[in-house]
C-alpha atoms as a PDB file:
ATOM      1  CA  MET A   1       0.174  -0.160  -0.116  1.00  0.00           C
ATOM      2  CA  ILE A   2       2.653   2.576   0.532  1.00  0.00           C
ATOM      3  CA  LEU A   3       5.086   1.455  -2.093  1.00  0.00           C
ATOM      4  CA  PRO A   4       2.333   2.072  -4.928  1.00  0.00           C
ATOM      5  CA  THR A   5       1.289   5.507  -3.313  1.00  0.00           C
ATOM      6  CA  LEU A   6       4.715   6.156  -3.026  1.00  0.00           C
ATOM      7  CA  GLU A   7       5.315   5.723  -6.819  1.00  0.00           C
ATOM      8  CA  ALA A   8       2.263   7.385  -7.945  1.00  0.00           C
ATOM      9  CA  ALA A   9       3.694  10.739  -6.070  1.00  0.00           C
ATOM     10  CA  ALA A  10       6.770  10.369  -7.684  1.00  0.00           C
ATOM     11  CA  TYR A  11       5.035  10.381 -10.788  1.00  0.00           C
ATOM     12  CA  ALA A  12       3.062  12.912  -9.930  1.00  0.00           C
ATOM     13  CA  PHE A  13       5.684  15.679  -9.216  1.00  0.00           C
ATOM     14  CA  GLY A  14       7.749  14.026 -12.548  1.00  0.00           C
ATOM     15  CA  ILE A  15       4.829  15.117 -14.788  1.00  0.00           C
ATOM     16  CA  ALA A  16       4.048  18.587 -12.603  1.00  0.00           C
ATOM     17  CA  TYR A  17       7.963  19.843 -13.345  1.00  0.00           C
ATOM     18  CA  TYR A  18       7.752  18.433 -16.641  1.00  0.00           C
ATOM     19  CA  ASP A  19       4.276  20.327 -17.247  1.00  0.00           C
ATOM     20  CA  THR A  20       5.482  23.600 -15.811  1.00  0.00           C
ATOM     21  CA  THR A  21       9.253  23.408 -17.501  1.00  0.00           C
ATOM     22  CA  PHE A  22       8.577  24.459 -21.391  1.00  0.00           C
ATOM     23  CA  ALA A  23       6.936  27.713 -22.221  1.00  0.00           C
ATOM     24  CA  ARG A  24       4.327  26.884 -24.941  1.00  0.00           C
ATOM     25  CA  LYS A  25       5.473  29.743 -27.276  1.00  0.00           C
ATOM     26  CA  GLN A  26       9.443  28.575 -27.174  1.00  0.00           C
ATOM     27  CA  THR A  27       8.465  25.140 -27.818  1.00  0.00           C
ATOM     28  CA  SER A  28       9.802  23.570 -31.125  1.00  0.00           C
ATOM     29  CA  LEU A  29       8.308  22.142 -33.819  1.00  0.00           C
ATOM     30  CA  PRO A  30       9.152  18.345 -32.594  1.00  0.00           C
ATOM     31  CA  PHE A  31       7.718  19.030 -28.884  1.00  0.00           C
ATOM     32  CA  ARG A  32       4.743  20.492 -30.485  1.00  0.00           C
ATOM     33  CA  ILE A  33       3.808  17.359 -32.336  1.00  0.00           C
ATOM     34  CA  MET A  34       4.699  15.451 -29.538  1.00  0.00           C
ATOM     35  CA  GLU A  35       2.126  17.349 -27.827  1.00  0.00           C
ATOM     36  CA  LYS A  36      -0.441  16.664 -30.309  1.00  0.00           C
ATOM     37  CA  ALA A  37       0.451  12.768 -30.184  1.00  0.00           C
ATOM     38  CA  GLY A  38      -0.039  13.101 -26.463  1.00  0.00           C
ATOM     39  CA  SER A  39      -3.365  14.645 -26.732  1.00  0.00           C
ATOM     40  CA  TYR A  40      -4.606  11.390 -29.359  1.00  0.00           C
ATOM     41  CA  SER A  41      -2.924   9.382 -27.053  1.00  0.00           C
ATOM     42  CA  TYR A  42      -5.782   8.485 -25.055  1.00  0.00           C
ATOM     43  CA  SER A  43      -7.836   7.431 -28.232  1.00  0.00           C
ATOM     44  CA  ILE A  44      -4.634   5.253 -29.506  1.00  0.00           C
ATOM     45  CA  TYR A  45      -4.840   3.631 -26.229  1.00  0.00           C
ATOM     46  CA  LEU A  46      -8.623   2.640 -26.034  1.00  0.00           C
ATOM     47  CA  LEU A  47      -8.388   2.041 -29.874  1.00  0.00           C
ATOM     48  CA  HIS A  48      -4.961  -0.044 -30.405  1.00  0.00           C
ATOM     49  CA  LEU A  49      -6.574  -3.409 -28.434  1.00  0.00           C
ATOM     50  CA  PHE A  50      -8.569  -4.002 -32.373  1.00  0.00           C
ATOM     51  CA  PHE A  51      -5.255  -3.926 -33.922  1.00  0.00           C
ATOM     52  CA  VAL A  52      -2.235  -4.537 -32.343  1.00  0.00           C
ATOM     53  CA  HIS A  53      -1.775  -8.164 -32.398  1.00  0.00           C
ATOM     54  CA  GLU A  54      -2.693  -8.625 -35.959  1.00  0.00           C
ATOM     55  CA  LEU A  55      -0.191  -5.932 -37.086  1.00  0.00           C
ATOM     56  CA  ALA A  56       2.543  -7.762 -34.732  1.00  0.00           C
ATOM     57  CA  ALA A  57       1.933 -11.298 -36.554  1.00  0.00           C
ATOM     58  CA  PHE A  58       1.530  -9.482 -40.078  1.00  0.00           C
ATOM     59  CA  ILE A  59       4.751  -7.567 -39.680  1.00  0.00           C
ATOM     60  CA  ASN A  60       6.720 -10.669 -38.343  1.00  0.00           C
ATOM     61  CA  ASP A  61       5.081 -13.424 -40.588  1.00  0.00           C
ATOM     62  CA  SER A  62       5.238 -10.942 -43.587  1.00  0.00           C
ATOM     63  CA  ILE A  63       7.787  -8.589 -43.416  1.00  0.00           C
ATOM     64  CA  MET A  64      10.485  -9.378 -41.161  1.00  0.00           C
ATOM     65  CA  GLU A  65      10.964 -11.352 -37.763  1.00  0.00           C
ATOM     66  CA  ILE A  66      10.588  -8.879 -34.719  1.00  0.00           C
ATOM     67  CA  SER A  67      12.292 -10.866 -32.112  1.00  0.00           C
ATOM     68  CA  ASN A  68      14.636  -8.884 -31.538  1.00  0.00           C
ATOM     69  CA  PHE A  69      13.960  -5.831 -28.842  1.00  0.00           C
ATOM     70  CA  TYR A  70      15.559  -3.272 -30.985  1.00  0.00           C
ATOM     71  CA  VAL A  71      13.963  -4.042 -33.883  1.00  0.00           C
ATOM     72  CA  ALA A  72      10.395  -4.501 -32.093  1.00  0.00           C
ATOM     73  CA  CYS A  73      11.059  -1.221 -30.854  1.00  0.00           C
ATOM     74  CA  LEU A  74      11.487   0.256 -34.445  1.00  0.00           C
ATOM     75  CA  TRP A  75       8.528  -1.105 -35.679  1.00  0.00           C
ATOM     76  CA  SER A  76       6.336  -0.429 -32.673  1.00  0.00           C
ATOM     77  CA  MET A  77       7.548   3.224 -33.161  1.00  0.00           C
ATOM     78  CA  ALA A  78       6.541   3.403 -37.109  1.00  0.00           C
ATOM     79  CA  CYS A  79       3.217   1.436 -36.214  1.00  0.00           C
ATOM     80  CA  PHE A  80       2.568   4.485 -33.352  1.00  0.00           C
ATOM     81  CA  VAL A  81       3.201   6.772 -36.155  1.00  0.00           C
ATOM     82  CA  ALA A  82       0.936   5.523 -38.410  1.00  0.00           C
ATOM     83  CA  THR A  83      -1.930   5.277 -35.794  1.00  0.00           C
ATOM     84  CA  ILE A  84      -2.015   9.080 -35.116  1.00  0.00           C
ATOM     85  CA  PRO A  85      -4.098   9.852 -37.641  1.00  0.00           C
ATOM     86  CA  ILE A  86      -6.507   7.387 -36.436  1.00  0.00           C
ATOM     87  CA  GLY A  87      -6.061   8.622 -33.190  1.00  0.00           C
ATOM     88  CA  TYR A  88      -6.564  12.142 -34.603  1.00  0.00           C
ATOM     89  CA  LEU A  89     -10.035  10.792 -36.355  1.00  0.00           C
ATOM     90  CA  SER A  90     -11.208   9.218 -32.480  1.00  0.00           C
ATOM     91  CA  TYR A  91      -9.888  12.311 -30.498  1.00  0.00           C
ATOM     92  CA  SER A  92     -11.641  15.253 -32.624  1.00  0.00           C
ATOM     93  CA  CYS A  93     -14.898  13.389 -33.626  1.00  0.00           C
ATOM     94  CA  ILE A  94     -15.667  11.858 -30.032  1.00  0.00           C
ATOM     95  CA  GLU A  95     -13.588  13.153 -27.429  1.00  0.00           C
ATOM     96  CA  ALA A  96     -13.329  16.845 -28.617  1.00  0.00           C
ATOM     97  CA  PRO A  97     -17.233  18.025 -28.699  1.00  0.00           C
ATOM     98  CA  PHE A  98     -17.207  16.568 -24.798  1.00  0.00           C
ATOM     99  CA  LEU A  99     -14.326  18.340 -24.057  1.00  0.00           C
ATOM    100  CA  ARG A 100     -15.621  21.672 -25.039  1.00  0.00           C
ATOM    101  CA  LEU A 101     -18.301  21.013 -22.236  1.00  0.00           C
ATOM    102  CA  ARG A 102     -15.610  21.359 -19.344  1.00  0.00           C
ATOM    103  CA  LEU A 103     -16.090  23.892 -16.941  1.00  0.00           C
ATOM    104  CA  ARG A 104     -13.374  25.734 -14.931  1.00  0.00           C
ATOM    105  CA  TYR A 105     -14.187  25.430 -11.106  1.00  0.00           C
ATOM    106  CA  VAL A 106     -11.672  27.582  -9.981  1.00  0.00           C
ATOM    107  CA  VAL A 107     -11.005  31.315 -11.065  1.00  0.00           C
ATOM    108  CA  PRO A 108      -7.488  32.509 -11.313  1.00  0.00           C
ATOM    109  CA  ALA A 109      -6.666  35.175  -8.252  1.00  0.00           C
ATOM    110  CA  ALA A 110      -5.524  37.506 -10.925  1.00  0.00           C
ATOM    111  CA  ALA A 111      -8.743  37.356 -12.594  1.00  0.00           C
ATOM    112  CA  ASP A 112     -10.829  38.326  -9.177  1.00  0.00           C
ATOM    113  CA  ALA A 113     -11.793  42.070  -9.719  1.00  0.00           C
ATOM    114  CA  ILE A 114     -11.465  42.494  -6.022  1.00  0.00           C
ATOM    115  CA  PRO A 115      -9.144  40.092  -3.500  1.00  0.00           C
ATOM    116  CA  ALA A 116     -10.418  38.308  -1.048  1.00  0.00           C
ATOM    117  CA  ARG A 117      -8.603  39.659   1.759  1.00  0.00           C
ATOM    118  CA  ALA A 118     -10.193  43.123   0.666  1.00  0.00           C
ATOM    119  CA  ARG A 119     -13.821  41.538   0.591  1.00  0.00           C
ATOM    120  CA  ARG A 120     -13.393  39.842   4.247  1.00  0.00           C
ATOM    121  CA  ALA A 121     -12.240  43.699   5.343  1.00  0.00           C
ATOM    122  CA  ALA A 122     -15.468  45.413   4.171  1.00  0.00           C
ATOM    123  CA  ALA A 123     -17.595  42.661   5.295  1.00  0.00           C
ATOM    124  CA  ALA A 124     -16.000  43.141   8.265  1.00  0.00           C
ATOM    125  CA  SER A 125     -16.198  46.844   8.919  1.00  0.00           C
ATOM    126  CA  GLN A 126     -19.956  47.093   7.881  1.00  0.00           C
ATOM    127  CA  PRO A 127     -22.334  47.254  10.630  1.00  0.00           C
ATOM    128  CA  GLY A 128     -24.307  44.583  11.361  1.00  0.00           C
END
């Protein structure tokens, strides 16, 4: 129970650090491509079960043997790149319409016209 919690906290801190490291305007083209692929990754994750085993068997039987780890990694990267268009279609047609319905539950402090301290001070000074 403790080890998975520590592992999850380490991943959370790593992702939070990575998320705040790069400014959006300063990212290069490869990082923007990776960002887009990351947006489609959940769709790719959900759809890959339908074709991953058949595709691996096809490559192994028809093109070349992929028992070597490095060859298999190269083929998996090529297949991932090939599934990005499928992920894009799934993301844009199924996920994106629902993502537009999201609401912000917390207003940033800079957007608040009257700071909370000033509001409390004004409420405390009114007779009541």
